[in-house]
Amino acid sequence: MSASNEWTEYHLTPKGWVTGTEKTDFNVRERERPADAVQTVKVRDYQSSVFSQVDHTREIVWEAKDSQKIAKLKSKFGEAPDLA
């Protein structure tokens, strides 16, 4: 069992990054992907033990086929935020 395994999915939309499903060490809060989303990124903080460093990762878990729209929105809103 890990010391900590928390993650959040962020959806890139024309309004900016929208928080999706979130998992904390004690809870999962499910949220649907918005219909106008063009990309979903999972941002994860994992710590295998209290003695180890936190492993921070970002993974694209879904994206629309419109790469130009994704690039345009990323230039406007930047990369997905870090965990809060």
N, C-alpha and C. Protein backbone atom coordinates (compact mmCIF):
# COMPACT_ATOMS: atom_id res chain seq x y z
N MET A 1 0.85 -1.18 0.00
CA MET A 1 0.00 0.00 0.00
C MET A 1 0.89 1.25 0.00
N SER A 2 0.52 2.20 -0.80
CA SER A 2 1.30 3.44 -0.90
C SER A 2 0.97 4.38 0.26
N ALA A 3 1.90 5.29 0.51
CA ALA A 3 1.67 6.32 1.52
C ALA A 3 0.67 7.35 1.01
N SER A 4 0.72 7.61 -0.30
CA SER A 4 -0.21 8.58 -0.90
C SER A 4 -0.31 8.34 -2.40
N ASN A 5 -1.53 8.39 -2.90
CA ASN A 5 -1.78 8.24 -4.33
C ASN A 5 -2.97 9.10 -4.69
N GLU A 6 -2.71 10.33 -5.06
CA GLU A 6 -3.77 11.28 -5.38
C GLU A 6 -3.64 11.74 -6.81
N TRP A 7 -4.78 11.96 -7.47
CA TRP A 7 -4.75 12.43 -8.85
C TRP A 7 -6.02 13.20 -9.17
N THR A 8 -5.89 14.04 -10.21
CA THR A 8 -7.02 14.81 -10.73
C THR A 8 -6.95 14.80 -12.24
N GLU A 9 -8.10 14.64 -12.88
CA GLU A 9 -8.19 14.79 -14.33
C GLU A 9 -8.62 16.23 -14.63
N TYR A 10 -7.92 16.85 -15.58
CA TYR A 10 -8.27 18.20 -16.02
C TYR A 10 -8.64 18.12 -17.50
N HIS A 11 -9.74 18.79 -17.87
CA HIS A 11 -10.23 18.79 -19.24
C HIS A 11 -10.02 20.17 -19.85
N LEU A 12 -9.36 20.20 -21.01
CA LEU A 12 -9.15 21.45 -21.73
C LEU A 12 -10.39 21.74 -22.57
N THR A 13 -10.99 22.91 -22.34
CA THR A 13 -12.20 23.33 -23.05
C THR A 13 -12.00 24.75 -23.58
N PRO A 14 -12.93 25.24 -24.40
CA PRO A 14 -12.83 26.63 -24.86
C PRO A 14 -12.89 27.66 -23.72
N LYS A 15 -13.34 27.24 -22.53
CA LYS A 15 -13.39 28.15 -21.37
C LYS A 15 -12.14 28.01 -20.50
N GLY A 16 -11.23 27.10 -20.86
CA GLY A 16 -10.03 26.86 -20.06
C GLY A 16 -10.02 25.46 -19.50
N TRP A 17 -9.15 25.23 -18.51
CA TRP A 17 -9.03 23.92 -17.88
C TRP A 17 -10.15 23.75 -16.85
N VAL A 18 -10.87 22.64 -16.95
CA VAL A 18 -11.98 22.32 -16.06
C VAL A 18 -11.61 21.09 -15.25
N THR A 19 -11.84 21.13 -13.95
CA THR A 19 -11.52 20.00 -13.08
C THR A 19 -12.49 18.85 -13.35
N GLY A 20 -11.92 17.67 -13.53
CA GLY A 20 -12.72 16.46 -13.74
C GLY A 20 -12.69 15.59 -12.50
N THR A 21 -12.70 14.28 -12.70
CA THR A 21 -12.69 13.34 -11.60
C THR A 21 -11.42 13.54 -10.76
N GLU A 22 -11.61 13.47 -9.43
CA GLU A 22 -10.50 13.65 -8.50
C GLU A 22 -10.44 12.47 -7.54
N LYS A 23 -9.22 12.01 -7.24
CA LYS A 23 -9.02 10.98 -6.23
C LYS A 23 -8.06 11.50 -5.18
N THR A 24 -8.51 11.53 -3.94
CA THR A 24 -7.62 11.80 -2.82
C THR A 24 -7.36 10.46 -2.15
N ASP A 25 -6.58 10.44 -1.11
CA ASP A 25 -6.28 9.18 -0.44
C ASP A 25 -7.52 8.53 0.16
N PHE A 26 -8.58 9.30 0.38
CA PHE A 26 -9.74 8.77 1.07
C PHE A 26 -11.05 8.88 0.31
N ASN A 27 -11.02 9.43 -0.91
CA ASN A 27 -12.28 9.71 -1.60
C ASN A 27 -12.05 9.82 -3.11
N VAL A 28 -13.08 9.44 -3.87
CA VAL A 28 -13.08 9.69 -5.32
C VAL A 28 -14.33 10.50 -5.62
N ARG A 29 -14.13 11.62 -6.34
CA ARG A 29 -15.26 12.45 -6.75
C ARG A 29 -15.33 12.39 -8.27
N GLU A 30 -16.35 11.71 -8.78
CA GLU A 30 -16.53 11.52 -10.22
C GLU A 30 -17.16 12.75 -10.86
N ARG A 31 -16.61 13.15 -11.99
CA ARG A 31 -17.18 14.23 -12.80
C ARG A 31 -17.08 13.82 -14.27
N GLU A 32 -18.12 14.06 -15.02
CA GLU A 32 -18.15 13.74 -16.45
C GLU A 32 -17.23 14.67 -17.23
N ARG A 33 -16.70 14.17 -18.33
CA ARG A 33 -15.91 15.02 -19.23
C ARG A 33 -16.88 15.97 -19.94
N PRO A 34 -16.58 17.27 -19.98
CA PRO A 34 -17.46 18.21 -20.68
C PRO A 34 -17.56 17.86 -22.17
N ALA A 35 -18.70 18.12 -22.76
CA ALA A 35 -18.93 17.81 -24.17
C ALA A 35 -18.00 18.58 -25.09
N ASP A 36 -17.56 19.77 -24.66
CA ASP A 36 -16.70 20.59 -25.52
C ASP A 36 -15.21 20.41 -25.22
N ALA A 37 -14.85 19.41 -24.41
CA ALA A 37 -13.44 19.16 -24.08
C ALA A 37 -12.68 18.67 -25.32
N VAL A 38 -11.41 19.06 -25.40
CA VAL A 38 -10.56 18.61 -26.50
C VAL A 38 -9.39 17.76 -26.02
N GLN A 39 -9.13 17.79 -24.70
CA GLN A 39 -8.04 16.98 -24.14
C GLN A 39 -8.29 16.76 -22.66
N THR A 40 -7.90 15.58 -22.17
CA THR A 40 -7.96 15.26 -20.75
C THR A 40 -6.57 14.85 -20.29
N VAL A 41 -6.10 15.49 -19.22
CA VAL A 41 -4.79 15.20 -18.65
C VAL A 41 -4.98 14.75 -17.20
N LYS A 42 -4.34 13.63 -16.84
CA LYS A 42 -4.36 13.17 -15.45
C LYS A 42 -3.05 13.61 -14.79
N VAL A 43 -3.19 14.40 -13.72
CA VAL A 43 -2.05 14.87 -12.95
C VAL A 43 -2.04 14.05 -11.65
N ARG A 44 -0.90 13.42 -11.36
CA ARG A 44 -0.84 12.47 -10.25
C ARG A 44 0.36 12.74 -9.35
N ASP A 45 0.12 12.65 -8.04
CA ASP A 45 1.18 12.67 -7.03
C ASP A 45 1.13 11.32 -6.31
N TYR A 46 2.25 10.60 -6.38
CA TYR A 46 2.33 9.27 -5.79
C TYR A 46 3.54 9.20 -4.88
N GLN A 47 3.34 8.69 -3.68
CA GLN A 47 4.45 8.50 -2.74
C GLN A 47 4.35 7.07 -2.22
N SER A 48 5.35 6.25 -2.51
CA SER A 48 5.28 4.83 -2.16
C SER A 48 5.41 4.59 -0.66
N SER A 49 6.14 5.44 0.05
CA SER A 49 6.26 5.31 1.50
C SER A 49 6.52 6.69 2.09
N VAL A 50 6.41 6.79 3.39
CA VAL A 50 6.65 8.07 4.04
C VAL A 50 8.11 8.50 3.92
N PHE A 51 8.98 7.57 3.55
CA PHE A 51 10.40 7.86 3.43
C PHE A 51 10.82 8.20 2.00
N SER A 52 9.91 8.05 1.06
CA SER A 52 10.27 8.29 -0.35
C SER A 52 9.77 9.65 -0.82
N GLN A 53 10.35 10.10 -1.93
CA GLN A 53 9.95 11.37 -2.54
C GLN A 53 8.61 11.20 -3.27
N VAL A 54 7.91 12.30 -3.46
CA VAL A 54 6.66 12.29 -4.20
C VAL A 54 6.97 12.26 -5.70
N ASP A 55 6.35 11.33 -6.40
CA ASP A 55 6.51 11.21 -7.85
C ASP A 55 5.35 11.96 -8.50
N HIS A 56 5.66 13.04 -9.21
CA HIS A 56 4.64 13.89 -9.84
C HIS A 56 4.63 13.59 -11.34
N THR A 57 3.48 13.14 -11.86
CA THR A 57 3.38 12.81 -13.28
C THR A 57 2.18 13.48 -13.92
N ARG A 58 2.27 13.62 -15.25
CA ARG A 58 1.17 14.12 -16.08
C ARG A 58 1.03 13.17 -17.25
N GLU A 59 -0.20 12.81 -17.55
CA GLU A 59 -0.44 11.86 -18.64
C GLU A 59 -1.69 12.28 -19.42
N ILE A 60 -1.56 12.37 -20.74
CA ILE A 60 -2.73 12.63 -21.57
C ILE A 60 -3.50 11.32 -21.66
N VAL A 61 -4.74 11.32 -21.17
CA VAL A 61 -5.54 10.09 -21.17
C VAL A 61 -6.59 10.08 -22.29
N TRP A 62 -6.85 11.24 -22.88
CA TRP A 62 -7.79 11.34 -24.00
C TRP A 62 -7.55 12.66 -24.71
N GLU A 63 -7.73 12.64 -26.03
CA GLU A 63 -7.74 13.90 -26.77
C GLU A 63 -8.53 13.75 -28.06
N ALA A 64 -9.12 14.87 -28.47
CA ALA A 64 -9.87 14.92 -29.72
C ALA A 64 -8.89 14.84 -30.89
N LYS A 65 -9.42 14.60 -32.06
CA LYS A 65 -8.58 14.49 -33.25
C LYS A 65 -8.13 15.84 -33.80
N ASP A 66 -8.71 16.92 -33.33
CA ASP A 66 -8.41 18.26 -33.83
C ASP A 66 -7.17 18.84 -33.13
N SER A 67 -5.99 18.48 -33.62
CA SER A 67 -4.75 18.91 -32.98
C SER A 67 -4.54 20.42 -33.05
N GLN A 68 -5.07 21.06 -34.09
CA GLN A 68 -4.94 22.52 -34.20
C GLN A 68 -5.73 23.23 -33.10
N LYS A 69 -6.92 22.72 -32.81
CA LYS A 69 -7.74 23.32 -31.75
C LYS A 69 -7.07 23.11 -30.39
N ILE A 70 -6.50 21.93 -30.17
CA ILE A 70 -5.79 21.65 -28.92
C ILE A 70 -4.63 22.63 -28.77
N ALA A 71 -3.84 22.79 -29.82
CA ALA A 71 -2.69 23.70 -29.78
C ALA A 71 -3.13 25.14 -29.51
N LYS A 72 -4.22 25.56 -30.15
CA LYS A 72 -4.72 26.92 -29.97
C LYS A 72 -5.15 27.15 -28.51
N LEU A 73 -5.89 26.20 -27.95
CA LEU A 73 -6.36 26.35 -26.57
C LEU A 73 -5.20 26.26 -25.57
N LYS A 74 -4.21 25.42 -25.86
CA LYS A 74 -3.05 25.34 -24.97
C LYS A 74 -2.23 26.62 -25.01
N SER A 75 -2.15 27.25 -26.18
CA SER A 75 -1.41 28.51 -26.24
C SER A 75 -2.14 29.61 -25.47
N LYS A 76 -3.46 29.50 -25.39
CA LYS A 76 -4.25 30.48 -24.66
C LYS A 76 -4.27 30.20 -23.15
N PHE A 77 -4.41 28.91 -22.74
CA PHE A 77 -4.61 28.57 -21.34
C PHE A 77 -3.41 27.85 -20.69
N GLY A 78 -2.40 27.49 -21.47
CA GLY A 78 -1.24 26.81 -20.91
C GLY A 78 -1.51 25.34 -20.66
N GLU A 79 -0.59 24.73 -19.93
CA GLU A 79 -0.69 23.31 -19.59
C GLU A 79 -1.68 23.12 -18.44
N ALA A 80 -2.07 21.87 -18.22
CA ALA A 80 -2.99 21.55 -17.12
C ALA A 80 -2.38 22.00 -15.79
N PRO A 81 -3.20 22.46 -14.85
CA PRO A 81 -2.67 22.92 -13.57
C PRO A 81 -2.11 21.77 -12.74
N ASP A 82 -1.34 22.12 -11.71
CA ASP A 82 -0.88 21.13 -10.75
C ASP A 82 -2.00 20.80 -9.78
N LEU A 83 -1.80 19.75 -9.00
CA LEU A 83 -2.78 19.41 -7.98
C LEU A 83 -2.87 20.52 -6.96
N ALA A 84 -4.07 20.74 -6.49
CA ALA A 84 -4.30 21.81 -5.48
C ALA A 84 -3.87 21.38 -4.10
